[in-house]
Amino acid sequence: MAEAPSCPKCSMENTYFDGVLFVCPDCSYEWTNDGNETETDDTPRDSNGSELMDGDAVTVIKDLKVKGSSMVIKRGTKVKSIRLTDNPEEVDCKIDGSSIVLKTCFLKKG
């Protein structure tokens, strides 16, 4: 059996083939080994696929419990002036005076 290639995202060699895709358990990246590898899109996008930028206003689409707190961010909460982070799946913002990092999959631009 052929060796699995190293991960193109994190360069770790701890990868495996799951029958359809190659998977890296270290960074959770999945890819095919077609040879015509496309570059991953690292643009932050909301739940609808709209591109997010620094300073955008977004709306929370689901009630979210805040870890380590009894605070709950209610669905429909509008968040102004988001800040992008190094991770395209997260944004930094302030809600009720508290600095919070939110996953982009729970946000809608608007």
Protein backbone atom coordinates (compact mmCIF):
# COMPACT_ATOMS: atom_id res chain seq x y z
CA MET A 1 0.00 0.00 0.00
CA ALA A 2 1.31 3.45 -0.92
CA GLU A 3 2.31 5.94 1.75
CA ALA A 4 -0.13 8.75 2.48
CA PRO A 5 1.27 12.16 1.49
CA SER A 6 2.07 14.77 4.12
CA CYS A 7 -0.57 17.40 4.82
CA PRO A 8 -0.39 20.37 2.40
CA LYS A 9 -1.69 22.73 5.10
CA CYS A 10 0.44 21.89 8.18
CA SER A 11 3.10 19.59 6.62
CA MET A 12 2.56 16.85 9.22
CA GLU A 13 3.03 13.27 8.05
CA ASN A 14 0.37 11.74 10.32
CA THR A 15 -2.25 11.50 7.51
CA TYR A 16 -4.53 8.71 6.34
CA PHE A 17 -6.90 7.87 3.48
CA ASP A 18 -10.55 7.42 4.53
CA GLY A 19 -11.74 5.95 1.23
CA VAL A 20 -12.57 9.25 -0.48
CA LEU A 21 -10.25 11.92 0.93
CA PHE A 22 -6.91 12.17 2.66
CA VAL A 23 -7.34 13.41 6.24
CA CYS A 24 -4.88 15.13 8.59
CA PRO A 25 -5.88 14.47 12.23
CA ASP A 26 -3.54 17.21 13.45
CA CYS A 27 -5.21 20.18 11.70
CA SER A 28 -8.45 18.49 10.45
CA TYR A 29 -7.66 19.33 6.83
CA GLU A 30 -9.15 17.09 4.12
CA TRP A 31 -8.00 16.92 0.50
CA THR A 32 -7.89 14.79 -2.61
CA ASN A 33 -4.64 13.82 -4.24
CA ASP A 34 -5.56 14.82 -7.79
CA GLY A 35 -2.32 16.61 -8.56
CA ASN A 36 -4.24 19.73 -9.53
CA GLU A 37 -4.48 20.82 -5.91
CA THR A 38 -6.34 24.10 -5.54
CA GLU A 39 -5.36 26.65 -2.93
CA THR A 40 -7.69 26.76 0.05
CA ASP A 41 -9.83 29.85 0.45
CA ASP A 42 -8.86 31.56 3.70
CA THR A 43 -11.37 34.38 3.39
CA PRO A 44 -13.66 34.62 6.40
CA ARG A 45 -17.26 33.94 5.35
CA ASP A 46 -20.55 34.05 7.24
CA SER A 47 -23.13 31.24 7.36
CA ASN A 48 -24.49 32.28 3.93
CA GLY A 49 -21.08 32.48 2.27
CA SER A 50 -20.79 36.28 2.23
CA GLU A 51 -17.25 37.57 2.70
CA LEU A 52 -16.60 39.26 6.05
CA MET A 53 -14.29 42.25 6.54
CA ASP A 54 -13.04 44.28 9.49
CA GLY A 55 -15.73 46.67 10.73
CA ASP A 56 -18.70 44.74 9.30
CA ALA A 57 -21.94 44.46 11.25
CA VAL A 58 -23.29 40.93 11.71
CA THR A 59 -26.29 39.22 13.31
CA VAL A 60 -26.14 36.06 15.44
CA ILE A 61 -28.33 33.31 13.89
CA LYS A 62 -28.52 30.96 16.89
CA ASP A 63 -28.62 31.23 20.69
CA LEU A 64 -25.03 30.76 21.87
CA LYS A 65 -23.88 29.82 25.37
CA VAL A 66 -20.63 31.55 26.34
CA LYS A 67 -18.07 29.09 27.74
CA GLY A 68 -17.01 29.81 31.31
CA SER A 69 -19.95 32.13 31.88
CA SER A 70 -23.69 32.01 32.46
CA MET A 71 -24.12 34.53 29.62
CA VAL A 72 -26.20 33.57 26.57
CA ILE A 73 -26.01 35.49 23.30
CA LYS A 74 -29.55 35.47 21.91
CA ARG A 75 -30.45 34.84 18.30
CA GLY A 76 -30.89 38.13 16.44
CA THR A 77 -28.25 39.99 18.47
CA LYS A 78 -26.60 42.60 16.24
CA VAL A 79 -22.85 42.93 16.56
CA LYS A 80 -21.13 46.02 15.14
CA SER A 81 -17.50 46.48 14.15
CA ILE A 82 -16.20 42.92 14.08
CA ARG A 83 -12.44 42.33 13.87
CA LEU A 84 -10.97 39.47 11.85
CA THR A 85 -8.55 37.06 13.53
CA ASP A 86 -5.77 34.85 12.17
CA ASN A 87 -8.31 32.00 12.01
CA PRO A 88 -10.77 32.55 9.10
CA GLU A 89 -13.46 30.66 11.06
CA GLU A 90 -13.47 33.16 13.97
CA VAL A 91 -14.08 36.88 14.50
CA ASP A 92 -13.43 39.05 17.53
CA CYS A 93 -16.15 41.43 18.74
CA LYS A 94 -17.63 43.18 21.76
CA ILE A 95 -21.05 42.26 23.12
CA ASP A 96 -22.38 44.11 26.18
CA GLY A 97 -18.86 45.40 26.90
CA SER A 98 -17.31 41.91 26.87
CA SER A 99 -14.73 40.98 24.25
CA ILE A 100 -15.82 37.66 22.69
CA VAL A 101 -14.62 35.46 19.83
CA LEU A 102 -17.45 34.06 17.70
CA LYS A 103 -17.45 31.34 15.05
CA THR A 104 -18.38 32.69 11.61
CA CYS A 105 -20.79 29.78 11.01
CA PHE A 106 -23.16 31.37 13.57
CA LEU A 107 -23.13 34.83 11.97
CA LYS A 108 -25.03 36.49 9.14
CA LYS A 109 -23.71 39.65 7.50
CA GLY A 110 -26.11 42.52 7.57
